[in-house]
């Protein structure tokens, strides 16, 4: 009986464990990512990097306007 109770406690503890999403601190604030289910890596979606100057694509880039969600 004790063995069954111990198994149930272990199972519910593992099943109810909190989800830990990766969190990165940037100059503009915190960015929350997603932990991939098919590998050991994190995904950060929707991050604007820079805007290309189409008249000179290999020249200086422009900052992308930052909009909070």
PDB file of N, CA and C in Angstrom:
ATOM      1  N   UNK A   1       0.828  -1.198   0.000  1.00  0.00           N
ATOM      2  CA  UNK A   1       0.000   0.000   0.000  1.00  0.00           C
ATOM      3  C   UNK A   1       0.871   1.260   0.000  1.00  0.00           C
ATOM      4  N   UNK A   2       1.928   1.256   0.800  1.00  0.00           N
ATOM      5  CA  UNK A   2       2.820   2.416   0.845  1.00  0.00           C
ATOM      6  C   UNK A   2       3.492   2.634  -0.510  1.00  0.00           C
ATOM      7  N   UNK A   3       3.799   1.524  -1.182  1.00  0.00           N
ATOM      8  CA  UNK A   3       4.443   1.602  -2.496  1.00  0.00           C
ATOM      9  C   UNK A   3       3.520   2.273  -3.516  1.00  0.00           C
ATOM     10  N   UNK A   4       2.258   1.971  -3.471  1.00  0.00           N
ATOM     11  CA  UNK A   4       1.289   2.563  -4.404  1.00  0.00           C
ATOM     12  C   UNK A   4       1.117   4.055  -4.127  1.00  0.00           C
ATOM     13  N   UNK A   5       1.034   4.419  -2.870  1.00  0.00           N
ATOM     14  CA  UNK A   5       0.899   5.837  -2.507  1.00  0.00           C
ATOM     15  C   UNK A   5       2.142   6.613  -2.926  1.00  0.00           C
ATOM     16  N   UNK A   6       3.308   6.014  -2.724  1.00  0.00           N
ATOM     17  CA  UNK A   6       4.554   6.668  -3.123  1.00  0.00           C
ATOM     18  C   UNK A   6       4.601   6.870  -4.638  1.00  0.00           C
ATOM     19  N   UNK A   7       4.166   5.883  -5.398  1.00  0.00           N
ATOM     20  CA  UNK A   7       4.128   6.021  -6.854  1.00  0.00           C
ATOM     21  C   UNK A   7       3.153   7.118  -7.285  1.00  0.00           C
ATOM     22  N   UNK A   8       2.000   7.177  -6.656  1.00  0.00           N
ATOM     23  CA  UNK A   8       1.027   8.217  -6.998  1.00  0.00           C
ATOM     24  C   UNK A   8       1.564   9.610  -6.696  1.00  0.00           C
ATOM     25  N   UNK A   9       2.239   9.759  -5.568  1.00  0.00           N
ATOM     26  CA  UNK A   9       2.814  11.060  -5.217  1.00  0.00           C
ATOM     27  C   UNK A   9       3.906  11.463  -6.200  1.00  0.00           C
ATOM     28  N   UNK A  10       4.738  10.530  -6.595  1.00  0.00           N
ATOM     29  CA  UNK A  10       5.798  10.830  -7.566  1.00  0.00           C
ATOM     30  C   UNK A  10       5.206  11.196  -8.922  1.00  0.00           C
ATOM     31  N   UNK A  11       4.184  10.471  -9.334  1.00  0.00           N
ATOM     32  CA  UNK A  11       3.565  10.734 -10.632  1.00  0.00           C
ATOM     33  C   UNK A  11       2.896  12.105 -10.654  1.00  0.00           C
ATOM     34  N   UNK A  12       2.145  12.442  -9.625  1.00  0.00           N
ATOM     35  CA  UNK A  12       1.470  13.745  -9.605  1.00  0.00           C
ATOM     36  C   UNK A  12       2.475  14.873  -9.462  1.00  0.00           C
ATOM     37  N   UNK A  13       3.578  14.648  -8.753  1.00  0.00           N
ATOM     38  CA  UNK A  13       4.606  15.677  -8.630  1.00  0.00           C
ATOM     39  C   UNK A  13       5.285  15.964  -9.951  1.00  0.00           C
ATOM     40  N   UNK A  14       5.559  14.930 -10.723  1.00  0.00           N
ATOM     41  CA  UNK A  14       6.187  15.121 -12.031  1.00  0.00           C
ATOM     42  C   UNK A  14       5.198  15.704 -13.033  1.00  0.00           C
ATOM     43  N   UNK A  15       3.950  15.323 -12.932  1.00  0.00           N
ATOM     44  CA  UNK A  15       2.934  15.789 -13.872  1.00  0.00           C
ATOM     45  C   UNK A  15       2.587  17.256 -13.623  1.00  0.00           C
ATOM     46  N   UNK A  16       2.629  17.695 -12.377  1.00  0.00           N
ATOM     47  CA  UNK A  16       2.233  19.059 -12.026  1.00  0.00           C
ATOM     48  C   UNK A  16       3.429  19.988 -11.873  1.00  0.00           C
ATOM     49  N   UNK A  17       4.589  19.602 -12.390  1.00  0.00           N
ATOM     50  CA  UNK A  17       5.759  20.462 -12.249  1.00  0.00           C
ATOM     51  C   UNK A  17       5.573  21.726 -13.087  1.00  0.00           C
ATOM     52  N   UNK A  18       6.063  22.858 -12.602  1.00  0.00           N
ATOM     53  CA  UNK A  18       5.876  24.111 -13.338  1.00  0.00           C
ATOM     54  C   UNK A  18       6.691  24.115 -14.629  1.00  0.00           C
ATOM     55  N   UNK A  19       6.168  24.792 -15.620  1.00  0.00           N
ATOM     56  CA  UNK A  19       6.846  24.902 -16.912  1.00  0.00           C
ATOM     57  C   UNK A  19       7.838  26.051 -16.845  1.00  0.00           C
ATOM     58  N   UNK A  20       9.064  25.793 -17.220  1.00  0.00           N
ATOM     59  CA  UNK A  20      10.102  26.815 -17.176  1.00  0.00           C
ATOM     60  C   UNK A  20      10.418  27.272 -18.596  1.00  0.00           C
ATOM     61  N   UNK A  21       9.924  28.448 -18.951  1.00  0.00           N
ATOM     62  CA  UNK A  21      10.222  29.016 -20.260  1.00  0.00           C
ATOM     63  C   UNK A  21      11.515  29.809 -20.161  1.00  0.00           C
ATOM     64  N   UNK A  22      12.315  29.803 -21.223  1.00  0.00           N
ATOM     65  CA  UNK A  22      13.545  30.597 -21.189  1.00  0.00           C
ATOM     66  C   UNK A  22      13.214  32.089 -21.177  1.00  0.00           C
ATOM     67  N   UNK A  23      13.954  32.830 -20.397  1.00  0.00           N
ATOM     68  CA  UNK A  23      13.742  34.266 -20.252  1.00  0.00           C
ATOM     69  C   UNK A  23      15.080  34.961 -20.454  1.00  0.00           C
ATOM     70  N   UNK A  24      15.123  35.932 -21.363  1.00  0.00           N
ATOM     71  CA  UNK A  24      16.354  36.647 -21.690  1.00  0.00           C
ATOM     72  C   UNK A  24      16.151  38.118 -21.371  1.00  0.00           C
ATOM     73  N   UNK A  25      17.145  38.716 -20.731  1.00  0.00           N
ATOM     74  CA  UNK A  25      17.097  40.142 -20.409  1.00  0.00           C
ATOM     75  C   UNK A  25      17.833  40.908 -21.506  1.00  0.00           C
ATOM     76  N   UNK A  26      17.119  41.788 -22.202  1.00  0.00           N
ATOM     77  CA  UNK A  26      17.727  42.593 -23.263  1.00  0.00           C
ATOM     78  C   UNK A  26      17.707  44.064 -22.858  1.00  0.00           C
ATOM     79  N   UNK A  27      18.273  44.918 -23.704  1.00  0.00           N
ATOM     80  CA  UNK A  27      18.274  46.357 -23.432  1.00  0.00           C
ATOM     81  C   UNK A  27      16.859  46.922 -23.397  1.00  0.00           C
ATOM     82  N   UNK A  28      15.942  46.289 -24.118  1.00  0.00           N
ATOM     83  CA  UNK A  28      14.564  46.776 -24.207  1.00  0.00           C
ATOM     84  C   UNK A  28      13.609  46.086 -23.252  1.00  0.00           C
ATOM     85  N   UNK A  29      14.110  45.151 -22.469  1.00  0.00           N
ATOM     86  CA  UNK A  29      13.250  44.453 -21.516  1.00  0.00           C
ATOM     87  C   UNK A  29      13.396  42.945 -21.611  1.00  0.00           C
ATOM     88  N   UNK A  30      12.532  42.249 -20.905  1.00  0.00           N
ATOM     89  CA  UNK A  30      12.580  40.796 -20.877  1.00  0.00           C
ATOM     90  C   UNK A  30      11.913  40.207 -22.114  1.00  0.00           C
ATOM     91  N   UNK A  31      12.512  39.135 -22.631  1.00  0.00           N
ATOM     92  CA  UNK A  31      11.962  38.418 -23.777  1.00  0.00           C
ATOM     93  C   UNK A  31      11.730  36.983 -23.345  1.00  0.00           C
ATOM     94  N   UNK A  32      10.484  36.540 -23.451  1.00  0.00           N
ATOM     95  CA  UNK A  32      10.137  35.169 -23.072  1.00  0.00           C
ATOM     96  C   UNK A  32      10.135  34.294 -24.316  1.00  0.00           C
ATOM     97  N   UNK A  33      10.796  33.169 -24.212  1.00  0.00           N
ATOM     98  CA  UNK A  33      10.878  32.231 -25.323  1.00  0.00           C
ATOM     99  C   UNK A  33      10.064  30.982 -25.046  1.00  0.00           C
ATOM    100  N   UNK A  34      10.217  30.023 -25.920  1.00  0.00           N
ATOM    101  CA  UNK A  34       9.548  28.734 -25.804  1.00  0.00           C
ATOM    102  C   UNK A  34      10.598  27.640 -25.792  1.00  0.00           C
ATOM    103  N   UNK A  35      10.421  26.663 -24.926  1.00  0.00           N
ATOM    104  CA  UNK A  35      11.303  25.505 -24.920  1.00  0.00           C
ATOM    105  C   UNK A  35      10.795  24.525 -25.965  1.00  0.00           C
ATOM    106  N   UNK A  36      11.657  24.083 -26.859  1.00  0.00           N
ATOM    107  CA  UNK A  36      11.255  23.173 -27.929  1.00  0.00           C
ATOM    108  C   UNK A  36      10.938  21.796 -27.361  1.00  0.00           C
ATOM    109  N   UNK A  37       9.918  21.172 -27.911  1.00  0.00           N
ATOM    110  CA  UNK A  37       9.538  19.833 -27.461  1.00  0.00           C
ATOM    111  C   UNK A  37      10.293  18.749 -28.214  1.00  0.00           C
ATOM    112  N   UNK A  38      10.881  19.091 -29.357  1.00  0.00           N
ATOM    113  CA  UNK A  38      11.574  18.076 -30.149  1.00  0.00           C
ATOM    114  C   UNK A  38      13.098  18.172 -30.054  1.00  0.00           C
ATOM    115  N   UNK A  39      13.603  18.880 -29.075  1.00  0.00           N
ATOM    116  CA  UNK A  39      15.048  19.000 -28.921  1.00  0.00           C
ATOM    117  C   UNK A  39      15.395  19.849 -27.718  1.00  0.00           C
ATOM    118  N   UNK A  40      16.684  20.003 -27.493  1.00  0.00           N
ATOM    119  CA  UNK A  40      17.163  20.760 -26.341  1.00  0.00           C
ATOM    120  C   UNK A  40      17.591  22.155 -26.795  1.00  0.00           C
ATOM    121  N   UNK A  41      16.621  22.961 -27.214  1.00  0.00           N
ATOM    122  CA  UNK A  41      16.896  24.327 -27.626  1.00  0.00           C
ATOM    123  C   UNK A  41      15.688  25.202 -27.319  1.00  0.00           C
ATOM    124  N   UNK A  42      15.911  26.505 -27.329  1.00  0.00           N
ATOM    125  CA  UNK A  42      14.847  27.468 -27.053  1.00  0.00           C
ATOM    126  C   UNK A  42      14.535  28.243 -28.326  1.00  0.00           C
ATOM    127  N   UNK A  43      13.277  28.671 -28.460  1.00  0.00           N
ATOM    128  CA  UNK A  43      12.840  29.451 -29.620  1.00  0.00           C
ATOM    129  C   UNK A  43      12.376  30.819 -29.133  1.00  0.00           C
ATOM    130  N   UNK A  44      12.800  31.857 -29.826  1.00  0.00           N
ATOM    131  CA  UNK A  44      12.355  33.212 -29.549  1.00  0.00           C
ATOM    132  C   UNK A  44      11.730  33.737 -30.835  1.00  0.00           C
ATOM    133  N   UNK A  45      10.417  33.859 -30.846  1.00  0.00           N
ATOM    134  CA  UNK A  45       9.682  34.182 -32.065  1.00  0.00           C
ATOM    135  C   UNK A  45       9.284  35.654 -32.094  1.00  0.00           C
ATOM    136  N   UNK A  46       9.251  36.235 -33.284  1.00  0.00           N
ATOM    137  CA  UNK A  46       8.760  37.593 -33.466  1.00  0.00           C
ATOM    138  C   UNK A  46       9.703  38.684 -33.024  1.00  0.00           C
ATOM    139  N   UNK A  47      10.999  38.436 -33.034  1.00  0.00           N
ATOM    140  CA  UNK A  47      11.964  39.458 -32.627  1.00  0.00           C
ATOM    141  C   UNK A  47      12.388  40.245 -33.864  1.00  0.00           C
ATOM    142  N   UNK A  48      12.107  41.549 -33.909  1.00  0.00           N
ATOM    143  CA  UNK A  48      12.539  42.347 -35.058  1.00  0.00           C
ATOM    144  C   UNK A  48      14.033  42.666 -34.938  1.00  0.00           C
ATOM    145  N   UNK A  49      14.796  42.378 -35.966  1.00  0.00           N
ATOM    146  CA  UNK A  49      16.240  42.617 -35.914  1.00  0.00           C
ATOM    147  C   UNK A  49      16.603  43.971 -36.507  1.00  0.00           C
ATOM    148  N   UNK A  50      16.380  44.169 -37.777  1.00  0.00           N
ATOM    149  CA  UNK A  50      16.709  45.440 -38.417  1.00  0.00           C
ATOM    150  C   UNK A  50      15.918  45.557 -39.711  1.00  0.00           C
ATOM    151  N   UNK A  51      15.832  46.773 -40.213  1.00  0.00           N
ATOM    152  CA  UNK A  51      15.182  47.002 -41.506  1.00  0.00           C
ATOM    153  C   UNK A  51      16.274  47.254 -42.540  1.00  0.00           C
ATOM    154  N   UNK A  52      16.097  46.708 -43.720  1.00  0.00           N
ATOM    155  CA  UNK A  52      17.096  46.833 -44.783  1.00  0.00           C
ATOM    156  C   UNK A  52      16.841  48.110 -45.577  1.00  0.00           C
ATOM    157  N   UNK A  53      17.910  48.807 -45.894  1.00  0.00           N
ATOM    158  CA  UNK A  53      17.840  49.946 -46.804  1.00  0.00           C
ATOM    159  C   UNK A  53      17.865  49.372 -48.222  1.00  0.00           C
ATOM    160  N   UNK A  54      16.726  49.380 -48.917  1.00  0.00           N
ATOM    161  CA  UNK A  54      16.620  48.730 -50.224  1.00  0.00           C
ATOM    162  C   UNK A  54      17.417  49.447 -51.314  1.00  0.00           C
ATOM    163  N   UNK A  55      17.742  50.722 -51.122  1.00  0.00           N
ATOM    164  CA  UNK A  55      18.575  51.405 -52.111  1.00  0.00           C
ATOM    165  C   UNK A  55      20.037  50.984 -51.979  1.00  0.00           C
ATOM    166  N   UNK A  56      20.445  50.551 -50.786  1.00  0.00           N
ATOM    167  CA  UNK A  56      21.807  50.068 -50.544  1.00  0.00           C
ATOM    168  C   UNK A  56      21.719  48.884 -49.578  1.00  0.00           C
ATOM    169  N   UNK A  57      21.371  47.677 -50.052  1.00  0.00           N
ATOM    170  CA  UNK A  57      21.114  46.554 -49.155  1.00  0.00           C
ATOM    171  C   UNK A  57      22.330  46.086 -48.364  1.00  0.00           C
ATOM    172  N   UNK A  58      23.551  46.401 -48.823  1.00  0.00           N
ATOM    173  CA  UNK A  58      24.743  45.980 -48.090  1.00  0.00           C
ATOM    174  C   UNK A  58      25.328  47.114 -47.255  1.00  0.00           C
ATOM    175  N   UNK A  59      24.624  48.224 -47.170  1.00  0.00           N
ATOM    176  CA  UNK A  59      25.090  49.360 -46.387  1.00  0.00           C
ATOM    177  C   UNK A  59      24.543  49.322 -44.966  1.00  0.00           C
ATOM    178  N   UNK A  60      24.457  50.488 -44.376  1.00  0.00           N
ATOM    179  CA  UNK A  60      23.980  50.620 -43.000  1.00  0.00           C
ATOM    180  C   UNK A  60      22.508  50.219 -42.899  1.00  0.00           C
ATOM    181  N   UNK A  61      22.178  49.485 -41.850  1.00  0.00           N
ATOM    182  CA  UNK A  61      20.778  49.106 -41.637  1.00  0.00           C
ATOM    183  C   UNK A  61      20.103  50.125 -40.719  1.00  0.00           C
ATOM    184  N   UNK A  62      18.788  50.023 -40.608  1.00  0.00           N
ATOM    185  CA  UNK A  62      18.005  50.920 -39.766  1.00  0.00           C
ATOM    186  C   UNK A  62      17.420  50.135 -38.607  1.00  0.00           C
ATOM    187  N   UNK A  63      17.261  50.797 -37.477  1.00  0.00           N
ATOM    188  CA  UNK A  63      16.604  50.146 -36.344  1.00  0.00           C
ATOM    189  C   UNK A  63      15.149  49.880 -36.667  1.00  0.00           C
ATOM    190  N   UNK A  64      14.689  48.736 -36.272  1.00  0.00           N
ATOM    191  CA  UNK A  64      13.291  48.365 -36.481  1.00  0.00           C
ATOM    192  C   UNK A  64      12.462  49.028 -35.392  1.00  0.00           C
ATOM    193  N   UNK A  65      11.317  49.631 -35.719  1.00  0.00           N
ATOM    194  CA  UNK A  65      10.490  50.237 -34.666  1.00  0.00           C
ATOM    195  C   UNK A  65      10.009  49.169 -33.691  1.00  0.00           C
ATOM    196  N   UNK A  66      10.162  49.432 -32.414  1.00  0.00           N
ATOM    197  CA  UNK A  66       9.811  48.469 -31.370  1.00  0.00           C
ATOM    198  C   UNK A  66       8.393  48.731 -30.882  1.00  0.00           C
ATOM    199  N   UNK A  67       7.559  47.714 -30.936  1.00  0.00           N
ATOM    200  CA  UNK A  67       6.177  47.807 -30.473  1.00  0.00           C
ATOM    201  C   UNK A  67       5.961  46.737 -29.421  1.00  0.00           C
ATOM    202  N   UNK A  68       5.532  47.150 -28.227  1.00  0.00           N
ATOM    203  CA  UNK A  68       5.253  46.175 -27.172  1.00  0.00           C
ATOM    204  C   UNK A  68       3.978  45.425 -27.484  1.00  0.00           C
ATOM    205  N   UNK A  69       3.947  44.165 -27.063  1.00  0.00           N
ATOM    206  CA  UNK A  69       2.743  43.348 -27.237  1.00  0.00           C
ATOM    207  C   UNK A  69       1.792  43.596 -26.107  1.00  0.00           C
TER     208      UNK A  69
END
